[in-house]
């Protein structure tokens, strides 16, 4: 789990925008950051800051590369007041957010499919090695055991990676719901 710290301005903004107290804000912001998903890099900062969304808590965070929470907004902050933005801008913002989420979801799904194929190919290789071990001689068994250990370690890594990708894809699909 990443280690986060909170800037003073983020605490002030959490008090104003989210209605938290000064005492609640630091711990709440750290909790929000830990449950958040990457959305996009802030291009104006050379990639040193990124936007993250915590869909369960309905907050958007700006987090620096070093783990500092710099700013916080309700996810629909710009859309909360009709006085903030015109209807055209609101609709445009909703559409661009929807397109970004769909593109990110599709990218994650593509990665998940690739990892899924690698996982099953590796599982097939493990089965072949286990089959070869049945009739192997003592000298061959040591080599096969070593290969099997390497394949199993790789399979574990692939399983963890595909689980993380599936979780991220599910979070992105949930985030899309309000825009569909």
C-alpha atoms as a PDB file:
ATOM      1  CA  UNK A   1       0.000   0.000   0.000  1.00  0.00           C
ATOM      2  CA  UNK A   2       1.335   3.430  -0.928  1.00  0.00           C
ATOM      3  CA  UNK A   3       2.324   5.883   1.780  1.00  0.00           C
ATOM      4  CA  UNK A   4       0.547   9.225   1.404  1.00  0.00           C
ATOM      5  CA  UNK A   5       0.873  12.596   3.082  1.00  0.00           C
ATOM      6  CA  UNK A   6      -1.464  15.550   2.844  1.00  0.00           C
ATOM      7  CA  UNK A   7      -0.694  19.172   1.993  1.00  0.00           C
ATOM      8  CA  UNK A   8      -2.179  22.058   3.984  1.00  0.00           C
ATOM      9  CA  UNK A   9      -4.026  23.341   0.921  1.00  0.00           C
ATOM     10  CA  UNK A  10      -5.624  19.906   0.433  1.00  0.00           C
ATOM     11  CA  UNK A  11      -6.847  19.993   4.045  1.00  0.00           C
ATOM     12  CA  UNK A  12      -8.285  23.507   3.527  1.00  0.00           C
ATOM     13  CA  UNK A  13      -9.997  22.429   0.312  1.00  0.00           C
ATOM     14  CA  UNK A  14     -11.401  19.288   1.975  1.00  0.00           C
ATOM     15  CA  UNK A  15     -12.901  21.454   4.714  1.00  0.00           C
ATOM     16  CA  UNK A  16     -14.503  23.824   2.188  1.00  0.00           C
ATOM     17  CA  UNK A  17     -15.466  21.392  -0.585  1.00  0.00           C
ATOM     18  CA  UNK A  18     -16.262  18.203   1.323  1.00  0.00           C
ATOM     19  CA  UNK A  19     -17.462  19.597   4.649  1.00  0.00           C
ATOM     20  CA  UNK A  20     -14.837  17.807   6.732  1.00  0.00           C
ATOM     21  CA  UNK A  21     -13.324  19.279   9.881  1.00  0.00           C
ATOM     22  CA  UNK A  22      -9.646  20.208  10.111  1.00  0.00           C
ATOM     23  CA  UNK A  23      -9.118  17.188  12.376  1.00  0.00           C
ATOM     24  CA  UNK A  24     -10.924  14.734  10.066  1.00  0.00           C
ATOM     25  CA  UNK A  25      -9.464  15.920   6.764  1.00  0.00           C
ATOM     26  CA  UNK A  26      -5.888  14.493   6.865  1.00  0.00           C
ATOM     27  CA  UNK A  27      -6.960  10.956   7.742  1.00  0.00           C
ATOM     28  CA  UNK A  28      -9.929  11.055   5.365  1.00  0.00           C
ATOM     29  CA  UNK A  29      -7.748  12.267   2.485  1.00  0.00           C
ATOM     30  CA  UNK A  30      -5.228   9.479   3.088  1.00  0.00           C
ATOM     31  CA  UNK A  31      -8.092   6.951   3.135  1.00  0.00           C
ATOM     32  CA  UNK A  32      -9.475   8.425  -0.109  1.00  0.00           C
ATOM     33  CA  UNK A  33      -6.039   8.271  -1.752  1.00  0.00           C
ATOM     34  CA  UNK A  34      -5.562   4.618  -0.751  1.00  0.00           C
ATOM     35  CA  UNK A  35      -8.874   3.659  -2.371  1.00  0.00           C
ATOM     36  CA  UNK A  36      -8.395   5.716  -5.519  1.00  0.00           C
ATOM     37  CA  UNK A  37      -7.725   4.744  -9.119  1.00  0.00           C
ATOM     38  CA  UNK A  38      -5.497   6.538 -11.601  1.00  0.00           C
ATOM     39  CA  UNK A  39      -7.401   8.643 -14.160  1.00  0.00           C
ATOM     40  CA  UNK A  40      -4.834  10.790 -16.009  1.00  0.00           C
ATOM     41  CA  UNK A  41      -1.524  12.628 -15.717  1.00  0.00           C
ATOM     42  CA  UNK A  42      -1.594  16.390 -15.437  1.00  0.00           C
ATOM     43  CA  UNK A  43       0.325  17.327 -18.563  1.00  0.00           C
ATOM     44  CA  UNK A  44       1.215  20.804 -17.379  1.00  0.00           C
ATOM     45  CA  UNK A  45       3.365  19.334 -14.601  1.00  0.00           C
ATOM     46  CA  UNK A  46       5.608  17.080 -16.727  1.00  0.00           C
ATOM     47  CA  UNK A  47       3.924  14.028 -15.278  1.00  0.00           C
ATOM     48  CA  UNK A  48       4.832  14.785 -11.682  1.00  0.00           C
ATOM     49  CA  UNK A  49       1.173  15.037 -10.681  1.00  0.00           C
ATOM     50  CA  UNK A  50      -1.800  12.894 -11.572  1.00  0.00           C
ATOM     51  CA  UNK A  51      -5.546  12.850 -11.061  1.00  0.00           C
ATOM     52  CA  UNK A  52      -7.059   9.949  -9.140  1.00  0.00           C
ATOM     53  CA  UNK A  53     -10.713   9.164  -8.487  1.00  0.00           C
ATOM     54  CA  UNK A  54     -12.129   7.365  -5.485  1.00  0.00           C
ATOM     55  CA  UNK A  55     -15.443   6.188  -6.908  1.00  0.00           C
ATOM     56  CA  UNK A  56     -16.779   4.833  -3.631  1.00  0.00           C
ATOM     57  CA  UNK A  57     -16.321   8.170  -1.855  1.00  0.00           C
ATOM     58  CA  UNK A  58     -17.097  10.217  -5.021  1.00  0.00           C
ATOM     59  CA  UNK A  59     -13.950  12.366  -4.715  1.00  0.00           C
ATOM     60  CA  UNK A  60     -11.222  13.367  -7.181  1.00  0.00           C
ATOM     61  CA  UNK A  61      -7.688  13.856  -5.894  1.00  0.00           C
ATOM     62  CA  UNK A  62      -4.587  15.484  -7.324  1.00  0.00           C
ATOM     63  CA  UNK A  63      -1.609  13.491  -6.061  1.00  0.00           C
ATOM     64  CA  UNK A  64       2.051  14.284  -6.617  1.00  0.00           C
ATOM     65  CA  UNK A  65       4.571  11.671  -7.687  1.00  0.00           C
ATOM     66  CA  UNK A  66       5.976  11.578  -4.131  1.00  0.00           C
ATOM     67  CA  UNK A  67       2.583  10.625  -2.643  1.00  0.00           C
ATOM     68  CA  UNK A  68       1.483  14.078  -1.470  1.00  0.00           C
ATOM     69  CA  UNK A  69      -2.229  14.754  -1.783  1.00  0.00           C
ATOM     70  CA  UNK A  70      -2.282  18.271  -3.228  1.00  0.00           C
ATOM     71  CA  UNK A  71      -5.961  18.922  -3.894  1.00  0.00           C
ATOM     72  CA  UNK A  72      -9.377  17.320  -3.531  1.00  0.00           C
ATOM     73  CA  UNK A  73     -12.767  17.862  -5.193  1.00  0.00           C
ATOM     74  CA  UNK A  74     -16.098  16.119  -5.279  1.00  0.00           C
ATOM     75  CA  UNK A  75     -16.046  14.110  -8.551  1.00  0.00           C
ATOM     76  CA  UNK A  76     -18.817  16.247  -9.998  1.00  0.00           C
ATOM     77  CA  UNK A  77     -17.455  19.516  -8.558  1.00  0.00           C
ATOM     78  CA  UNK A  78     -17.738  21.532 -11.761  1.00  0.00           C
ATOM     79  CA  UNK A  79     -21.254  20.230 -12.322  1.00  0.00           C
ATOM     80  CA  UNK A  80     -22.651  20.970  -8.853  1.00  0.00           C
ATOM     81  CA  UNK A  81     -23.826  24.478  -9.571  1.00  0.00           C
ATOM     82  CA  UNK A  82     -25.461  25.654 -12.784  1.00  0.00           C
ATOM     83  CA  UNK A  83     -23.691  28.967 -12.202  1.00  0.00           C
ATOM     84  CA  UNK A  84     -20.255  27.352 -12.439  1.00  0.00           C
ATOM     85  CA  UNK A  85     -20.479  26.279 -16.081  1.00  0.00           C
ATOM     86  CA  UNK A  86     -22.790  26.704 -19.045  1.00  0.00           C
ATOM     87  CA  UNK A  87     -24.901  23.753 -20.181  1.00  0.00           C
ATOM     88  CA  UNK A  88     -22.722  23.313 -23.272  1.00  0.00           C
ATOM     89  CA  UNK A  89     -19.565  23.105 -21.191  1.00  0.00           C
ATOM     90  CA  UNK A  90     -21.212  20.707 -18.727  1.00  0.00           C
ATOM     91  CA  UNK A  91     -22.304  18.426 -21.561  1.00  0.00           C
ATOM     92  CA  UNK A  92     -18.888  18.624 -23.198  1.00  0.00           C
ATOM     93  CA  UNK A  93     -17.203  17.797 -19.895  1.00  0.00           C
ATOM     94  CA  UNK A  94     -19.498  14.824 -19.348  1.00  0.00           C
ATOM     95  CA  UNK A  95     -18.843  13.510 -22.863  1.00  0.00           C
ATOM     96  CA  UNK A  96     -15.067  13.912 -22.633  1.00  0.00           C
ATOM     97  CA  UNK A  97     -15.040  12.233 -19.222  1.00  0.00           C
ATOM     98  CA  UNK A  98     -17.125   9.377 -20.608  1.00  0.00           C
ATOM     99  CA  UNK A  99     -14.792   8.964 -23.613  1.00  0.00           C
ATOM    100  CA  UNK A 100     -11.715   9.046 -21.366  1.00  0.00           C
ATOM    101  CA  UNK A 101     -13.180   6.432 -19.029  1.00  0.00           C
ATOM    102  CA  UNK A 102     -14.181   4.184 -21.938  1.00  0.00           C
ATOM    103  CA  UNK A 103     -10.733   4.474 -23.525  1.00  0.00           C
ATOM    104  CA  UNK A 104      -9.037   3.708 -20.212  1.00  0.00           C
ATOM    105  CA  UNK A 105     -11.380   0.766 -19.559  1.00  0.00           C
ATOM    106  CA  UNK A 106     -10.687  -0.656 -23.024  1.00  0.00           C
ATOM    107  CA  UNK A 107      -6.935  -0.244 -22.542  1.00  0.00           C
ATOM    108  CA  UNK A 108      -7.090  -2.071 -19.204  1.00  0.00           C
ATOM    109  CA  UNK A 109      -9.264  -4.800 -20.726  1.00  0.00           C
ATOM    110  CA  UNK A 110      -6.753  -5.291 -23.545  1.00  0.00           C
ATOM    111  CA  UNK A 111      -3.911  -5.601 -21.002  1.00  0.00           C
ATOM    112  CA  UNK A 112      -5.995  -8.031 -18.957  1.00  0.00           C
ATOM    113  CA  UNK A 113      -6.608 -10.194 -22.051  1.00  0.00           C
ATOM    114  CA  UNK A 114      -2.879 -10.302 -22.799  1.00  0.00           C
ATOM    115  CA  UNK A 115      -2.046 -11.285 -19.221  1.00  0.00           C
ATOM    116  CA  UNK A 116      -4.857 -13.864 -19.258  1.00  0.00           C
ATOM    117  CA  UNK A 117      -3.387 -15.498 -22.383  1.00  0.00           C
ATOM    118  CA  UNK A 118       0.104 -15.498 -20.816  1.00  0.00           C
ATOM    119  CA  UNK A 119      -1.295 -17.008 -17.611  1.00  0.00           C
ATOM    120  CA  UNK A 120      -2.996 -19.866 -19.435  1.00  0.00           C
ATOM    121  CA  UNK A 121       0.034 -20.500 -21.662  1.00  0.00           C
ATOM    122  CA  UNK A 122       2.173 -20.673 -18.528  1.00  0.00           C
ATOM    123  CA  UNK A 123      -0.347 -23.019 -16.868  1.00  0.00           C
ATOM    124  CA  UNK A 124      -0.159 -25.248 -19.945  1.00  0.00           C
ATOM    125  CA  UNK A 125       3.640 -25.289 -19.673  1.00  0.00           C
ATOM    126  CA  UNK A 126       3.379 -26.243 -15.972  1.00  0.00           C
ATOM    127  CA  UNK A 127       1.117 -29.164 -16.893  1.00  0.00           C
ATOM    128  CA  UNK A 128       3.618 -30.323 -19.530  1.00  0.00           C
ATOM    129  CA  UNK A 129       6.484 -30.189 -17.020  1.00  0.00           C
ATOM    130  CA  UNK A 130       4.458 -32.147 -14.440  1.00  0.00           C
ATOM    131  CA  UNK A 131       3.655 -34.745 -17.070  1.00  0.00           C
ATOM    132  CA  UNK A 132       7.337 -35.015 -17.994  1.00  0.00           C
ATOM    133  CA  UNK A 133       8.235 -35.492 -14.307  1.00  0.00           C
ATOM    134  CA  UNK A 134       6.167 -38.690 -14.126  1.00  0.00           C
ATOM    135  CA  UNK A 135       8.546 -40.606 -16.371  1.00  0.00           C
ATOM    136  CA  UNK A 136      11.728 -38.601 -15.695  1.00  0.00           C
ATOM    137  CA  UNK A 137      14.874 -40.080 -14.230  1.00  0.00           C
ATOM    138  CA  UNK A 138      16.374 -38.777 -11.004  1.00  0.00           C
ATOM    139  CA  UNK A 139      18.850 -36.443 -12.777  1.00  0.00           C
ATOM    140  CA  UNK A 140      16.101 -35.004 -14.977  1.00  0.00           C
ATOM    141  CA  UNK A 141      13.713 -34.536 -12.042  1.00  0.00           C
ATOM    142  CA  UNK A 142      16.003 -32.010 -10.362  1.00  0.00           C
ATOM    143  CA  UNK A 143      16.099 -29.896 -13.537  1.00  0.00           C
ATOM    144  CA  UNK A 144      12.347 -30.258 -14.039  1.00  0.00           C
ATOM    145  CA  UNK A 145      11.682 -29.276 -10.402  1.00  0.00           C
ATOM    146  CA  UNK A 146      13.752 -26.131 -10.882  1.00  0.00           C
ATOM    147  CA  UNK A 147      11.857 -25.279 -14.068  1.00  0.00           C
ATOM    148  CA  UNK A 148       8.545 -26.011 -12.353  1.00  0.00           C
ATOM    149  CA  UNK A 149       9.417 -23.675  -9.471  1.00  0.00           C
ATOM    150  CA  UNK A 150      10.221 -20.874 -11.931  1.00  0.00           C
ATOM    151  CA  UNK A 151       7.004 -21.468 -13.886  1.00  0.00           C
ATOM    152  CA  UNK A 152       4.922 -21.511 -10.685  1.00  0.00           C
ATOM    153  CA  UNK A 153       6.479 -18.247  -9.494  1.00  0.00           C
ATOM    154  CA  UNK A 154       5.713 -16.669 -12.875  1.00  0.00           C
ATOM    155  CA  UNK A 155       2.151 -18.008 -12.724  1.00  0.00           C
ATOM    156  CA  UNK A 156       1.656 -16.435  -9.309  1.00  0.00           C
ATOM    157  CA  UNK A 157       2.915 -13.072 -10.612  1.00  0.00           C
ATOM    158  CA  UNK A 158       0.612 -13.308 -13.655  1.00  0.00           C
ATOM    159  CA  UNK A 159      -2.348 -14.242 -11.439  1.00  0.00           C
ATOM    160  CA  UNK A 160      -1.775 -11.202  -9.213  1.00  0.00           C
ATOM    161  CA  UNK A 161      -1.395  -8.929 -12.250  1.00  0.00           C
ATOM    162  CA  UNK A 162      -4.588 -10.169 -13.898  1.00  0.00           C
ATOM    163  CA  UNK A 163      -6.502  -9.807 -10.615  1.00  0.00           C
ATOM    164  CA  UNK A 164      -5.340  -6.193 -10.260  1.00  0.00           C
ATOM    165  CA  UNK A 165      -6.269  -5.436 -13.878  1.00  0.00           C
ATOM    166  CA  UNK A 166      -9.709  -7.024 -13.431  1.00  0.00           C
ATOM    167  CA  UNK A 167     -10.278  -4.955 -10.282  1.00  0.00           C
ATOM    168  CA  UNK A 168      -9.229  -1.746 -12.061  1.00  0.00           C
ATOM    169  CA  UNK A 169     -11.479  -2.552 -15.036  1.00  0.00           C
ATOM    170  CA  UNK A 170     -14.428  -3.142 -12.695  1.00  0.00           C
ATOM    171  CA  UNK A 171     -13.802   0.204 -10.959  1.00  0.00           C
ATOM    172  CA  UNK A 172     -13.711   1.988 -14.316  1.00  0.00           C
ATOM    173  CA  UNK A 173     -16.955   0.308 -15.367  1.00  0.00           C
ATOM    174  CA  UNK A 174     -18.581   1.499 -12.134  1.00  0.00           C
ATOM    175  CA  UNK A 175     -17.283   5.008 -12.763  1.00  0.00           C
ATOM    176  CA  UNK A 176     -18.920   4.969 -16.204  1.00  0.00           C
ATOM    177  CA  UNK A 177     -22.394   4.292 -14.837  1.00  0.00           C
ATOM    178  CA  UNK A 178     -23.311   7.958 -14.183  1.00  0.00           C
ATOM    179  CA  UNK A 179     -22.291   8.907 -17.729  1.00  0.00           C
ATOM    180  CA  UNK A 180     -24.297   6.244 -19.563  1.00  0.00           C
END
